[in-house]
Each structure stands twice: as structure tokens, then as C-alpha cells.
Amino acid sequence: MSSLVKKRSFFASNVAFAAIVLLTGSSEPNSQQFSTPGFDGGWENGGRSYVLTGSTHYIPENKHHELVMVSFKPLTKFAKYLELQNSTLAYYSSVPTGIGRAVVRVDSEEKRSFLASMAHDNIHACGAIEGFDLLAQAYTLGNADSPAIPTSVKANSVSSLISTISADRIRTSVSALESLGTRYHAADFPNYPSDAVKSQWQSLLPANASIAQVDHSTTQQTSQKSVVLRIPGSTDKDKTIILGAHLDSINLSNPSAAPGADDDASGIAALTEILRAIKSSGATFARTVEFHAYAAEEVGLLGSTDLASQAKNSSQNVAAMLQLDMVGYASDTGTQTIHIIKTNTSPVLVRHLKDLASVYLGGDWLVGELRAGTSDHKSWSNYGFHAAFAFEHPTDYNHALHTAQDTSSRIDFTLATRFAKLAAAFLAHEAGLSSAVTDAATTWAAQQATSENITLAVSPSKSGSYRFAAASVQSLNAATAELCKLRSGSEYGCQSLNSETSLAAQKSGRSFFVTTDELSLADADIWRVNFYDAQGLLVGMRTFKLRKT
């Protein structure tokens, strides 16, 4: 079986697409072709879909992991470099959007590391390089699991748990990782950081928990290991909730000086402090909990991709995943805003994070999109799992990342503590903190009692779909309304978030909301409309079942 690309793209103007074909038998093209037409689908879904114009490339089956997708700024030296390389199989440079994409073959760990460093220096963002695996399938996001505890309610025991989270201890954990000098995945001793995280987490191991380092070298181009800590659930152990961060760092100019305090020692330190809070409080959870410290995120999300692939192949029921990556920097030192990212994340979990930030942190959150780059949450989304990402800022983030200047002196540990508290609340509600279940159920019942203040209407649209309108008493002070679909009507959370709208009008003591989204409805569907005030707190809800008349 040939290990060479038989054809490469012809570059005309600023666009070159390719069909990339995986050889499953001989060197002739009697292979399975992974492709879907259309630029947007092809690139947004990473390594699971391709564009069918331009030249054709044949990749041996045993080399399926050697492709990466690189993001870059057009009209730069790096863009030209990618365009002219024989190893570049597909290339797209979009000047209007300011971001280009290239699919590149990397046949060694050294070439991958070099390309990752160049890409990060070019766009100054994490996730500038991603795996583009020809064997990966296209997975769609299915229905979300309901949280074990409603995210719209405040439970006293959750408040108690997160109140013990300490900025000073987060600072200490960041400093310990920073002091390693580098956590680069291709350093002379690539598993020093993995060993350090494992040792730290081992000392905080809760009862019945286990910890292991995961070797990715047989499926990924890295010898660095991830760390996975697992706490079995008590009553609903088949469902798993994951908190993740990445343990590696990178610096193009000097790989031996990559302190990575914000990127991403801050995320690992937040997880470490949550783990300490669990250990010291004796907290237990209904569902299984996993803490992940991912290897080699900076060179293509390698550790998380491998773990997500293993979870999918073993049919592990991952109900929710939250990634913390760069959670300690604000250009304005008076800013404590948490940014909840909706790029490659679950809309349902975005809502859960908004709920929890409003309930436990007093709000001060914004929802945004990533212009470039990504993090390990995308690995889980790629495999069809519901994942979320909390970040310091989509554009005004710490631009000392990937340099020797990414040190703890630039971190706002009060802000990092807010992220840690949000992640701890996320874990408590999604996994079901045992001591909070009864307390939360009482508050949930009171929230459901608001349904008598809400009326609904359904009207057909010209396209044959439907639109919803809702009204509430003005005294609820509702500012936004969201419509979501349920399984049974009695569960705490939605299986999908279908429409959201702001206040349209107020008249005669009532507030009116009208959706512009077109919805498909069926007999016996169960829906819920939720109303939120300007601070993001739930102030009313109504659940209803459709019936043909």
C-alpha cells in the first residue's frame, strides 16, 4: 500500500478544494470516500466531511491519523507557506471572513509540532490545528439528558460546596504547573506534566475513586499522556459527567520556556480546587463523574479526541461535558465576566451555564462565538456528545498565550475562582450532588406553579411550519422567553432548545413574546416555555402537550 499522496490540489486564485480518499485495500482507488458537498459543512465538521471539487488524494488506511486542519490568517507569510507545500491537500483562503483553512498531511510528531507552533503564532488562538481523521464518522447532536438537579434552582448544599473554593489555592496550583518550565507535548520529558497532575490529583482522591494516565501513542502523534480521574455514581452510575482542561503548553520561540499559566494551567488548577472541595466535604453524586487533564491539546486536540473516540466506541453515556481553557485573564482588571461559548457546543448546556451563573454567581455572563481556534470541548461535540465551553473572552483574551510571558503575574485569580465555582455548580447539578436533591426539588415545585400566569398560542406559517407566541403577566418582569422540547414533561431539563426571543410588547398588564423561528410540530409533542428576567433568572414556565383538533 503506497504511503504517498497520488495527486495534490491545483491552486487557482485563493480557493483550492480536494476530494480526499481513504484507501481501504490496495493502492488503487477502490476505497471508501468520505465526502459531502458544500464548503460550510465540509470545514465546520472537521475531519468527518469533505468538499468534492478539485484534485483527488489517496491516503492509506494505516495513515488515516496523519491529516490536520489548520486555521490561518489570509495574506500572511504562513498562508503562502501552506499554499505552496506539497503536503497541503486542500486550501481555502477567505479574505472577507479573515480566516482560512488548509488540510495538511503530517507524517511525524515533529512536523505536527512545527505546524502547530506556526499556526498558533499566526492566529494567536488555541485550537489553530485540529485532527482531520478519515476514519471518523459524522455524528449529529442527539437529545440532551436532563440534569440530575434543575439548573434554575439554588440549592443550599451546592452554595456551601462552592463557597470553599479558594483563589489562593488556585494560585498555588497554577504556580506548581508553571514552575515546570514547559509542558510541551514533544519536550524531552513529555510526561512530567502528566505525572505532576496525577500526583496532585492522587492526593485529593475521593473515596472509591480511581485515577489513571492514558497513553495515546498508538492512535495519535504524541507520547504525552492524559490523566483521567473517575468517581463512580451512587444511583445513576451509567451516566457520566466530565470536567476537562488541558495539561500541555506551547511556545514557538522557545519550546523549553512555555509556562502556560493561563493556557491552560488555570483550567487544570480550577479542576484541582473543585476536586479538593469534593474530597474535603465528602460530597457524593448520583451520576459518575470524571475529571480529565488532556494531553497535546495544542497540536490538534489529540488527548481529548482519543478519549472521546474511546467513549463513543464503548457506548459510554456521557451526558454532559464542560471544558475550562484560559479562565484567568481580563484586560480590564475590574471585569469579572464569564463568556459562555456557543461555537461547537450544546445549546442546552449553554442554557444550563447561563442558569447557574445567574443563580450562584449573580450573573455577569455573556454568550459569544469563537472567531478562530477551539478547545477540547470540540472533540466531544464531534462525536455527538453534549459539551460546553466557558472562556475568558472570545476576542479580548490573553494574547501572551503561547509565549514565555504567559505567567501567573497576568492572571486575575478572582476571575479564575468564578470559573471554578461555575464548573463546580455545573458538576453538582448535572451529576446530582446527593445532599442537594431534596432541597432543589422543593424550589423546582415552586417554579412550576408560575404556569397560571402564562398563556400560549400556536399559528401556522406560510411555509407550512408553525410559530409560537406567549404572554405572561407583566409582574413577572420577564425579559426573554425560550421554547424547548421535552420527553415526558416531568423532567428538569430540555432535550433540545428550539427558539428564543426577547420581549416584543407590553399591554394591559401583560408582556408578549413572539418567535420568528419556524418549528415543526407533531401530535403529542411536549414543549416548555421558560421566561427569564434581565439578570437571567427563571421567573416563570409552562409545560404543554400538543393535541390535534
Protein backbone atom coordinates (compact mmCIF):
# COMPACT_ATOMS: atom_id res chain seq x y z
CA MET A 1 0.00 0.00 0.00
CA SER A 2 1.54 3.27 -1.09
CA SER A 3 2.23 5.84 1.61
CA LEU A 4 2.39 8.69 -0.92
CA VAL A 5 -0.31 11.10 -1.94
CA LYS A 6 -1.02 10.23 -5.59
CA LYS A 7 -2.35 13.69 -6.53
CA ARG A 8 -2.33 17.13 -4.94
CA SER A 9 -4.58 20.15 -5.30
CA PHE A 10 -4.25 22.67 -8.07
CA PHE A 11 -4.26 26.11 -6.52
CA ALA A 12 -6.16 28.68 -8.56
CA SER A 13 -7.00 32.14 -7.25
CA ASN A 14 -7.48 31.85 -3.50
CA VAL A 15 -9.51 28.64 -3.43
CA ALA A 16 -8.49 25.02 -3.86
CA PHE A 17 -10.63 22.10 -2.78
CA ALA A 18 -9.87 18.42 -2.86
CA ALA A 19 -11.53 15.07 -2.63
CA ILE A 20 -9.57 13.11 -0.04
CA VAL A 21 -9.96 9.37 -0.36
CA LEU A 22 -9.01 6.70 2.15
CA LEU A 23 -7.55 3.52 0.67
CA THR A 24 -9.02 0.50 2.40
CA GLY A 25 -7.36 -2.24 0.38
CA SER A 26 -4.85 -1.81 -2.42
CA SER A 27 -3.19 1.30 -3.78
CA GLU A 28 -5.92 1.64 -6.41
CA PRO A 29 -8.91 3.89 -5.63
CA ASN A 30 -11.31 1.06 -4.77
CA SER A 31 -11.78 2.79 -1.46
CA GLN A 32 -14.43 4.32 0.70
CA GLN A 33 -14.73 8.03 0.01
CA PHE A 34 -15.69 10.29 2.90
CA SER A 35 -17.24 13.40 1.46
CA THR A 36 -20.15 15.79 1.48
CA PRO A 37 -20.70 18.65 -0.96
CA GLY A 38 -20.69 22.23 0.23
CA PHE A 39 -17.94 24.31 1.78
CA ASP A 40 -19.58 25.11 5.10
CA GLY A 41 -20.41 21.53 6.05
CA GLY A 42 -17.07 20.28 4.85
CA TRP A 43 -14.97 22.54 7.02
CA GLU A 44 -17.08 23.17 10.07
CA ASN A 45 -17.32 19.44 10.76
CA GLY A 46 -13.57 18.99 10.71
CA GLY A 47 -12.34 15.58 9.73
CA ARG A 48 -15.67 14.00 9.09
CA SER A 49 -16.72 15.67 5.84
CA TYR A 50 -15.02 16.92 2.73
CA VAL A 51 -15.51 19.08 -0.34
CA LEU A 52 -15.74 17.27 -3.67
CA THR A 53 -14.10 19.69 -6.11
CA GLY A 54 -10.54 19.89 -7.31
CA SER A 55 -7.92 17.15 -7.27
CA THR A 56 -8.16 13.78 -5.55
CA HIS A 57 -5.80 12.47 -2.88
CA TYR A 58 -5.41 8.86 -1.78
CA ILE A 59 -4.42 8.17 1.82
CA PRO A 60 -3.51 4.66 3.03
CA GLU A 61 -5.78 3.34 5.76
CA ASN A 62 -2.95 2.99 8.26
CA LYS A 63 -2.12 6.69 7.78
CA HIS A 64 -5.63 7.98 8.48
CA HIS A 65 -4.48 9.98 11.52
CA GLU A 66 -1.84 11.95 9.60
CA LEU A 67 -4.12 14.77 8.42
CA VAL A 68 -4.74 18.02 10.25
CA MET A 69 -6.92 21.04 9.54
CA VAL A 70 -5.09 24.33 10.08
CA SER A 71 -6.67 27.75 10.60
CA PHE A 72 -4.71 30.78 9.40
CA LYS A 73 -4.95 34.47 8.57
CA PRO A 74 -5.12 35.16 4.80
CA LEU A 75 -2.49 37.32 3.11
CA THR A 76 0.24 36.31 5.55
CA LYS A 77 3.55 34.52 5.06
CA PHE A 78 2.11 31.47 6.82
CA ALA A 79 -0.85 31.42 4.41
CA LYS A 80 1.54 31.44 1.46
CA TYR A 81 3.67 28.77 3.09
CA LEU A 82 0.66 26.47 3.43
CA GLU A 83 -0.43 27.11 -0.15
CA LEU A 84 2.91 26.09 -1.60
CA GLN A 85 3.59 22.96 0.47
CA ASN A 86 3.35 19.59 -1.26
CA SER A 87 1.85 18.25 1.96
CA THR A 88 -1.12 20.66 1.70
CA LEU A 89 -4.03 18.73 0.23
CA ALA A 90 -6.78 21.35 0.35
CA TYR A 91 -6.68 25.08 0.83
CA TYR A 92 -9.21 27.86 1.30
CA SER A 93 -8.34 31.49 1.97
CA SER A 94 -11.29 33.73 2.79
CA VAL A 95 -10.24 37.36 2.93
CA PRO A 96 -13.74 38.66 3.86
CA THR A 97 -14.06 36.42 6.94
CA GLY A 98 -10.41 36.81 7.88
CA ILE A 99 -9.85 33.08 8.40
CA GLY A 100 -8.52 30.46 6.01
CA ARG A 101 -8.42 26.67 6.30
CA ALA A 102 -5.98 24.10 4.98
CA VAL A 103 -5.86 20.31 5.20
CA VAL A 104 -2.24 19.23 5.61
CA ARG A 105 -0.58 15.86 5.87
CA VAL A 106 1.87 15.49 8.76
CA ASP A 107 3.81 12.22 8.83
CA SER A 108 5.69 12.75 12.09
CA GLU A 109 5.25 14.18 15.56
CA GLU A 110 7.95 16.75 14.77
CA LYS A 111 6.15 18.06 11.69
CA ARG A 112 2.87 18.24 13.60
CA SER A 113 4.51 20.19 16.40
CA PHE A 114 6.18 22.61 13.99
CA LEU A 115 2.92 23.23 12.12
CA ALA A 116 1.02 23.74 15.38
CA SER A 117 3.55 26.30 16.57
CA MET A 118 3.38 28.20 13.29
CA ALA A 119 -0.44 28.15 13.29
CA HIS A 120 -0.71 29.36 16.87
CA ASP A 121 1.73 32.19 16.19
CA ASN A 122 -0.29 33.15 13.11
CA ILE A 123 -3.78 33.48 14.66
CA HIS A 124 -2.86 33.73 18.36
CA ALA A 125 -5.53 31.27 19.48
CA CYS A 126 -5.78 27.78 20.90
CA GLY A 127 -7.07 25.07 18.61
CA ALA A 128 -5.47 26.55 15.47
CA ILE A 129 -4.75 22.98 14.42
CA GLU A 130 -7.18 20.05 14.66
CA GLY A 131 -7.11 16.40 13.76
CA PHE A 132 -8.76 15.56 10.42
CA ASP A 133 -9.33 11.83 10.78
CA LEU A 134 -10.52 10.00 7.65
CA LEU A 135 -11.90 7.14 9.72
CA ALA A 136 -14.10 9.36 11.86
CA GLN A 137 -17.83 9.23 11.20
CA ALA A 138 -20.24 12.14 11.08
CA TYR A 139 -22.18 12.34 14.34
CA THR A 140 -25.12 14.61 14.97
CA LEU A 141 -26.04 16.03 18.33
CA GLY A 142 -28.88 13.99 19.77
CA ASN A 143 -31.33 14.86 22.51
CA ALA A 144 -29.79 16.13 25.73
CA ASP A 145 -30.14 14.37 29.05
CA SER A 146 -31.96 16.25 31.78
CA PRO A 147 -29.68 17.47 34.58
CA ALA A 148 -29.94 15.47 37.79
CA ILE A 149 -30.91 18.73 39.58
CA PRO A 150 -32.66 21.63 37.81
CA THR A 151 -30.13 24.29 36.86
CA SER A 152 -32.61 27.11 37.50
CA VAL A 153 -32.84 26.46 41.25
CA LYS A 154 -30.41 27.38 44.02
CA ALA A 155 -29.54 24.55 46.39
CA ASN A 156 -28.01 25.41 49.77
CA SER A 157 -25.62 22.46 49.73
CA VAL A 158 -24.30 23.49 46.29
CA SER A 159 -23.73 27.02 47.63
CA SER A 160 -21.86 25.51 50.56
CA LEU A 161 -19.68 23.38 48.27
CA ILE A 162 -18.63 26.24 46.00
CA SER A 163 -18.09 28.64 48.92
CA THR A 164 -14.99 26.64 49.92
CA ILE A 165 -13.26 27.24 46.57
CA SER A 166 -10.16 29.36 47.19
CA ALA A 167 -8.35 31.79 44.90
CA ASP A 168 -5.13 31.28 46.89
CA ARG A 169 -5.17 27.53 46.32
CA ILE A 170 -5.87 28.02 42.61
CA ARG A 171 -2.84 30.36 42.53
CA THR A 172 -0.70 27.69 44.20
CA SER A 173 -1.76 25.04 41.69
CA VAL A 174 -1.06 27.34 38.73
CA SER A 175 2.38 28.17 40.12
CA ALA A 176 3.22 24.48 40.52
CA LEU A 177 2.49 23.77 36.86
CA GLU A 178 4.14 26.99 35.71
CA SER A 179 7.32 26.03 37.59
CA LEU A 180 7.80 23.01 35.32
CA GLY A 181 9.12 25.43 32.70
CA THR A 182 7.35 23.73 29.82
CA ARG A 183 4.56 21.22 29.37
CA TYR A 184 5.19 20.88 25.65
CA HIS A 185 4.00 17.52 24.36
CA ALA A 186 7.25 16.92 22.41
CA ALA A 187 9.65 18.03 25.15
CA ASP A 188 12.46 15.71 26.24
CA PHE A 189 10.31 14.53 29.13
CA PRO A 190 6.75 15.00 27.80
CA ASN A 191 5.06 13.26 30.74
CA TYR A 192 6.45 15.42 33.54
CA PRO A 193 3.23 17.48 33.43
CA SER A 194 1.06 14.37 33.27
CA ASP A 195 2.92 12.89 36.23
CA ALA A 196 2.58 16.18 38.13
CA VAL A 197 -1.18 16.39 37.60
CA LYS A 198 -1.65 12.75 38.50
CA SER A 199 0.36 13.19 41.71
CA GLN A 200 -1.62 16.26 42.70
CA TRP A 201 -4.97 14.64 41.97
CA GLN A 202 -3.92 11.38 43.64
CA SER A 203 -3.52 13.24 46.93
CA LEU A 204 -7.11 14.50 46.59
CA LEU A 205 -8.69 11.22 45.53
CA PRO A 206 -12.23 10.86 46.98
CA ALA A 207 -13.45 7.57 48.37
CA ASN A 208 -14.00 4.84 45.74
CA ALA A 209 -12.38 7.00 43.04
CA SER A 210 -9.69 5.82 40.63
CA ILE A 211 -7.05 7.62 38.59
CA ALA A 212 -5.06 6.62 35.51
CA GLN A 213 -2.78 8.02 32.83
CA VAL A 214 -3.95 7.30 29.28
CA ASP A 215 -1.42 6.54 26.53
CA HIS A 216 -2.43 7.90 23.11
CA SER A 217 0.71 6.93 21.16
CA THR A 218 -0.91 4.07 19.23
CA THR A 219 -3.64 6.28 17.73
CA GLN A 220 -2.22 9.83 17.90
CA GLN A 221 1.08 11.54 17.11
CA THR A 222 2.07 12.19 20.70
CA SER A 223 3.77 10.36 23.53
CA GLN A 224 2.20 12.63 26.15
CA LYS A 225 -0.43 11.02 28.38
CA SER A 226 -3.76 12.36 29.59
CA VAL A 227 -4.96 11.94 33.16
CA VAL A 228 -8.45 10.62 33.95
CA LEU A 229 -9.92 10.56 37.47
CA ARG A 230 -13.20 8.72 37.90
CA ILE A 231 -15.74 8.89 40.76
CA PRO A 232 -18.46 6.24 40.39
CA GLY A 233 -22.04 7.45 40.79
CA SER A 234 -24.28 6.17 43.56
CA THR A 235 -27.67 5.65 41.89
CA ASP A 236 -27.38 6.60 38.20
CA LYS A 237 -23.81 5.49 37.57
CA ASP A 238 -24.32 4.65 33.87
CA LYS A 239 -24.42 8.37 33.04
CA THR A 240 -21.13 10.28 33.12
CA ILE A 241 -20.43 13.99 33.63
CA ILE A 242 -16.98 15.26 32.56
CA LEU A 243 -14.98 18.31 33.59
CA GLY A 244 -11.95 18.86 31.34
CA ALA A 245 -8.90 21.08 30.83
CA HIS A 246 -5.61 20.53 29.00
CA LEU A 247 -2.28 19.95 30.70
CA ASP A 248 0.13 20.81 27.84
CA SER A 249 1.61 24.16 26.81
CA ILE A 250 3.44 25.52 23.75
CA ASN A 251 5.82 28.32 22.77
CA LEU A 252 7.01 28.76 19.18
CA SER A 253 10.03 30.88 20.03
CA ASN A 254 11.40 28.68 22.79
CA PRO A 255 9.69 25.32 23.46
CA SER A 256 11.58 24.96 26.75
CA ALA A 257 10.01 28.19 28.07
CA ALA A 258 6.29 27.57 27.86
CA PRO A 259 4.89 28.32 31.33
CA GLY A 260 1.26 28.28 30.10
CA ALA A 261 -0.14 29.78 33.29
CA ASP A 262 -3.39 30.91 31.74
CA ASP A 263 -3.27 28.43 28.86
CA ASP A 264 -4.16 26.14 30.50
CA ALA A 265 -2.71 25.74 33.98
CA SER A 266 -5.63 27.95 35.04
CA GLY A 267 -8.15 25.35 33.87
CA ILE A 268 -6.26 22.45 35.48
CA ALA A 269 -5.96 24.43 38.73
CA ALA A 270 -9.71 25.10 38.74
CA LEU A 271 -10.40 21.37 38.39
CA THR A 272 -7.89 20.62 41.14
CA GLU A 273 -9.63 23.03 43.51
CA ILE A 274 -13.06 21.51 42.71
CA LEU A 275 -11.62 18.08 43.43
CA ARG A 276 -10.28 19.34 46.77
CA ALA A 277 -13.72 20.71 47.65
CA ILE A 278 -15.30 17.32 46.88
CA LYS A 279 -12.69 15.47 48.94
CA SER A 280 -12.91 17.74 51.98
CA SER A 281 -16.72 17.86 52.01
CA GLY A 282 -17.25 14.15 51.39
CA ALA A 283 -19.60 15.02 48.53
CA THR A 284 -21.13 12.19 46.53
CA PHE A 285 -23.03 12.22 43.25
CA ALA A 286 -25.85 10.23 41.71
CA ARG A 287 -24.06 10.05 38.36
CA THR A 288 -20.49 9.08 37.58
CA VAL A 289 -18.04 11.99 37.49
CA GLU A 290 -14.78 12.20 35.53
CA PHE A 291 -12.02 14.80 35.70
CA HIS A 292 -9.90 14.93 32.53
CA ALA A 293 -6.49 16.58 32.04
CA TYR A 294 -5.91 16.34 28.30
CA ALA A 295 -2.59 15.74 26.60
CA ALA A 296 -1.44 17.53 23.44
CA GLU A 297 -4.37 19.92 23.01
CA GLU A 298 -2.10 22.50 21.44
CA VAL A 299 -1.17 20.27 18.49
CA GLY A 300 -4.64 19.12 17.46
CA LEU A 301 -6.79 18.20 20.50
CA LEU A 302 -5.07 14.81 20.48
CA GLY A 303 -5.78 13.57 24.00
CA SER A 304 -9.43 14.60 24.05
CA THR A 305 -10.02 13.26 20.54
CA ASP A 306 -8.73 9.85 21.57
CA LEU A 307 -10.78 9.80 24.79
CA ALA A 308 -13.96 10.95 23.03
CA SER A 309 -13.43 8.30 20.36
CA GLN A 310 -13.00 5.63 23.03
CA ALA A 311 -16.16 6.82 24.79
CA LYS A 312 -18.17 6.64 21.57
CA ASN A 313 -16.79 3.23 20.57
CA SER A 314 -17.53 1.78 24.02
CA SER A 315 -21.04 3.32 24.09
CA GLN A 316 -20.22 5.30 27.23
CA ASN A 317 -23.17 7.51 28.15
CA VAL A 318 -21.53 10.92 28.52
CA ALA A 319 -24.47 13.12 29.48
CA ALA A 320 -22.56 16.42 29.70
CA MET A 321 -19.01 17.73 29.34
CA LEU A 322 -17.57 21.13 30.33
CA GLN A 323 -14.17 22.42 29.19
CA LEU A 324 -12.17 25.06 31.09
CA ASP A 325 -9.39 26.57 28.96
CA MET A 326 -7.94 30.02 29.76
CA VAL A 327 -10.08 31.20 32.65
CA GLY A 328 -7.86 33.76 34.39
CA TYR A 329 -7.30 36.84 32.26
CA ALA A 330 -9.24 40.09 31.77
CA SER A 331 -7.77 43.12 30.00
CA ASP A 332 -9.89 45.28 32.31
CA THR A 333 -8.97 44.30 35.85
CA GLY A 334 -12.41 45.32 37.05
CA THR A 335 -14.14 42.85 34.75
CA GLN A 336 -15.37 39.54 36.13
CA THR A 337 -17.43 38.46 33.11
CA ILE A 338 -17.63 34.80 32.17
CA HIS A 339 -18.04 34.15 28.46
CA ILE A 340 -20.14 31.14 27.53
CA ILE A 341 -19.21 29.93 24.06
CA LYS A 342 -21.82 28.71 21.60
CA THR A 343 -19.38 27.59 18.87
CA ASN A 344 -19.33 23.77 18.67
CA THR A 345 -21.24 23.48 21.93
CA SER A 346 -24.63 22.20 23.06
CA PRO A 347 -27.37 24.89 23.11
CA VAL A 348 -28.96 23.07 26.05
CA LEU A 349 -25.74 23.20 28.09
CA VAL A 350 -25.24 26.85 27.15
CA ARG A 351 -28.62 27.48 28.80
CA HIS A 352 -27.56 25.46 31.85
CA LEU A 353 -24.41 27.55 32.26
CA LYS A 354 -26.41 30.77 31.96
CA ASP A 355 -28.79 29.48 34.65
CA LEU A 356 -26.01 28.52 37.02
CA ALA A 357 -24.00 31.72 36.54
CA SER A 358 -27.13 33.74 37.31
CA VAL A 359 -28.19 31.63 40.29
CA TYR A 360 -24.83 31.17 42.04
CA LEU A 361 -22.58 33.98 40.76
CA GLY A 362 -25.01 36.87 40.48
CA GLY A 363 -24.91 36.89 36.69
CA ASP A 364 -22.23 38.84 34.77
CA TRP A 365 -22.05 36.45 31.85
CA LEU A 366 -22.16 36.87 28.10
CA VAL A 367 -22.71 34.40 25.28
CA GLY A 368 -20.29 34.63 22.36
CA GLU A 369 -18.76 32.84 19.40
CA LEU A 370 -15.16 31.95 18.62
CA ARG A 371 -13.82 33.69 15.54
CA ALA A 372 -10.94 31.23 15.32
CA GLY A 373 -9.45 28.41 17.32
CA THR A 374 -11.20 25.99 19.65
CA SER A 375 -10.53 23.67 22.59
CA ASP A 376 -11.13 20.12 23.79
CA HIS A 377 -14.91 20.50 24.06
CA LYS A 378 -14.97 20.25 20.26
CA SER A 379 -13.64 16.69 20.40
CA TRP A 380 -16.70 15.67 22.40
CA SER A 381 -19.07 17.63 20.18
CA ASN A 382 -17.51 15.98 17.13
CA TYR A 383 -18.53 12.58 18.49
CA GLY A 384 -22.10 13.65 19.17
CA PHE A 385 -21.82 14.36 22.91
CA HIS A 386 -23.29 17.44 24.56
CA ALA A 387 -20.38 19.68 25.53
CA ALA A 388 -19.93 23.23 26.84
CA PHE A 389 -17.06 25.72 26.99
CA ALA A 390 -16.54 28.61 29.44
CA PHE A 391 -13.84 31.06 28.37
CA GLU A 392 -12.31 34.37 29.47
CA HIS A 393 -13.19 36.22 26.23
CA PRO A 394 -13.77 35.21 22.56
CA THR A 395 -11.60 38.06 21.20
CA ASP A 396 -10.02 40.03 24.06
CA TYR A 397 -8.30 37.03 25.59
CA ASN A 398 -4.78 36.75 26.97
CA HIS A 399 -2.52 37.45 23.98
CA ALA A 400 0.54 36.31 25.94
CA LEU A 401 -0.61 32.75 25.30
CA HIS A 402 1.99 30.52 23.64
CA THR A 403 4.83 32.78 24.84
CA ALA A 404 7.18 32.92 27.80
CA GLN A 405 5.07 35.81 29.12
CA ASP A 406 2.04 33.59 29.89
CA THR A 407 2.78 33.66 33.61
CA SER A 408 0.71 33.81 36.77
CA SER A 409 1.50 37.52 37.10
CA ARG A 410 -1.08 38.15 34.34
CA ILE A 411 -3.84 36.09 35.94
CA ASP A 412 -6.80 37.51 37.84
CA PHE A 413 -7.35 34.76 40.39
CA THR A 414 -10.67 36.22 41.49
CA LEU A 415 -11.93 35.68 37.95
CA ALA A 416 -10.42 32.17 37.85
CA THR A 417 -12.28 31.42 41.08
CA ARG A 418 -15.58 32.43 39.46
CA PHE A 419 -14.95 29.93 36.68
CA ALA A 420 -14.11 27.22 39.22
CA LYS A 421 -17.32 27.92 41.14
CA LEU A 422 -19.36 27.80 37.92
CA ALA A 423 -17.78 24.46 36.98
CA ALA A 424 -18.43 23.08 40.47
CA ALA A 425 -22.09 24.14 40.27
CA PHE A 426 -22.32 22.59 36.79
CA LEU A 427 -20.97 19.33 38.16
CA ALA A 428 -23.28 19.40 41.19
CA HIS A 429 -26.41 19.90 39.08
CA GLU A 430 -25.54 17.70 36.10
CA ALA A 431 -24.21 14.81 38.19
CA GLY A 432 -26.63 15.24 41.10
CA LEU A 433 -24.93 16.29 44.33
CA SER A 434 -26.59 13.86 46.72
CA SER A 435 -27.15 16.36 49.54
CA ALA A 436 -28.89 18.84 47.18
CA VAL A 437 -31.57 16.65 45.60
CA THR A 438 -34.38 17.16 48.16
CA ASP A 439 -33.61 20.83 48.69
CA ALA A 440 -33.76 21.55 44.94
CA ALA A 441 -36.99 19.61 44.38
CA THR A 442 -38.91 21.96 46.68
CA THR A 443 -37.76 25.07 44.80
CA TRP A 444 -38.50 23.41 41.46
CA ALA A 445 -42.09 22.77 42.50
CA ALA A 446 -42.49 26.46 43.32
CA GLN A 447 -41.14 27.47 39.91
CA GLN A 448 -43.64 25.21 38.16
CA ALA A 449 -46.50 26.92 40.00
CA THR A 450 -45.98 30.02 37.85
CA SER A 451 -47.71 28.39 34.85
CA GLU A 452 -51.08 30.00 35.67
CA ASN A 453 -49.57 33.39 34.76
CA ILE A 454 -48.67 32.29 31.21
CA THR A 455 -50.77 31.85 28.04
CA LEU A 456 -49.65 30.40 24.72
CA ALA A 457 -50.74 30.46 21.09
CA VAL A 458 -49.65 28.46 18.03
CA SER A 459 -50.15 29.74 14.50
CA PRO A 460 -49.28 28.21 11.10
CA SER A 461 -46.75 30.00 8.90
CA LYS A 462 -46.85 30.37 5.12
CA SER A 463 -44.24 27.63 4.74
CA GLY A 464 -46.41 25.05 6.50
CA SER A 465 -44.46 25.19 9.75
CA TYR A 466 -45.60 26.86 12.96
CA ARG A 467 -44.73 29.77 15.21
CA PHE A 468 -45.33 30.28 18.90
CA ALA A 469 -46.47 33.31 20.78
CA ALA A 470 -46.53 33.60 24.56
CA ALA A 471 -47.77 36.11 27.10
CA SER A 472 -47.08 36.49 30.81
CA VAL A 473 -48.34 38.81 33.47
CA GLN A 474 -46.16 41.91 33.48
CA SER A 475 -45.38 41.49 37.15
CA LEU A 476 -43.12 38.53 36.31
CA ASN A 477 -40.68 41.08 34.83
CA ALA A 478 -39.79 38.66 32.05
CA ALA A 479 -37.23 39.96 29.53
CA THR A 480 -36.72 36.87 27.35
CA ALA A 481 -38.57 33.65 26.57
CA GLU A 482 -37.20 30.31 25.39
CA LEU A 483 -39.07 27.38 23.90
CA CYS A 484 -37.77 23.86 24.24
CA LYS A 485 -38.87 20.29 23.64
CA LEU A 486 -39.28 17.66 26.38
CA ARG A 487 -39.53 13.90 26.53
CA SER A 488 -42.20 13.40 29.19
CA GLY A 489 -42.97 16.81 30.62
CA SER A 490 -41.87 15.95 34.15
CA GLU A 491 -38.12 16.17 33.64
CA TYR A 492 -35.99 19.06 34.86
CA GLY A 493 -34.29 19.94 31.58
CA CYS A 494 -34.98 20.18 27.88
CA GLN A 495 -33.85 17.65 25.30
CA SER A 496 -33.37 20.45 22.76
CA LEU A 497 -33.54 24.24 22.74
CA ASN A 498 -35.66 25.28 19.77
CA SER A 499 -36.33 29.01 19.91
CA GLU A 500 -35.58 32.09 21.97
CA THR A 501 -36.96 35.60 21.73
CA SER A 502 -36.92 38.92 23.54
CA LEU A 503 -39.84 40.96 24.81
CA ALA A 504 -41.97 42.17 21.88
CA ALA A 505 -44.53 44.40 23.60
CA GLN A 506 -46.31 45.17 26.85
CA LYS A 507 -50.01 46.00 27.02
CA SER A 508 -52.82 45.82 29.56
CA GLY A 509 -50.58 44.41 32.26
CA ARG A 510 -49.19 41.61 30.08
CA SER A 511 -45.84 41.01 28.35
CA PHE A 512 -45.86 39.48 24.85
CA PHE A 513 -43.22 37.32 23.15
CA VAL A 514 -43.36 36.07 19.53
CA THR A 515 -40.90 33.63 17.97
CA THR A 516 -39.64 34.17 14.44
CA ASP A 517 -38.27 30.62 14.16
CA GLU A 518 -40.29 28.17 12.09
CA LEU A 519 -41.00 24.97 14.01
CA SER A 520 -42.17 21.52 13.01
CA LEU A 521 -44.88 20.24 15.34
CA ALA A 522 -46.44 16.83 15.79
CA ASP A 523 -49.37 15.47 17.74
CA ALA A 524 -48.45 14.61 21.36
CA ASP A 525 -45.25 16.69 21.32
CA ILE A 526 -44.41 18.10 24.75
CA TRP A 527 -42.99 21.62 24.96
CA ARG A 528 -41.99 24.06 27.67
CA VAL A 529 -41.72 27.83 27.55
CA ASN A 530 -39.37 29.42 30.08
CA PHE A 531 -39.30 33.11 30.99
CA TYR A 532 -36.16 34.87 32.29
CA ASP A 533 -35.65 38.30 33.81
CA ALA A 534 -32.93 40.76 32.84
CA GLN A 535 -30.48 39.09 35.26
CA GLY A 536 -31.01 35.70 33.63
CA LEU A 537 -33.05 34.18 36.45
CA LEU A 538 -36.01 31.94 35.67
CA VAL A 539 -39.22 33.74 36.64
CA GLY A 540 -41.88 31.57 35.02
CA MET A 541 -42.54 28.43 32.99
CA ARG A 542 -45.34 26.45 31.44
CA THR A 543 -45.30 22.91 30.07
CA PHE A 544 -47.86 21.81 27.50
CA LYS A 545 -48.70 18.87 25.25
CA LEU A 546 -49.90 19.37 21.68
CA ARG A 547 -53.09 17.73 20.53
CA LYS A 548 -54.72 17.67 17.11
CA THR A 549 -58.19 19.17 16.94
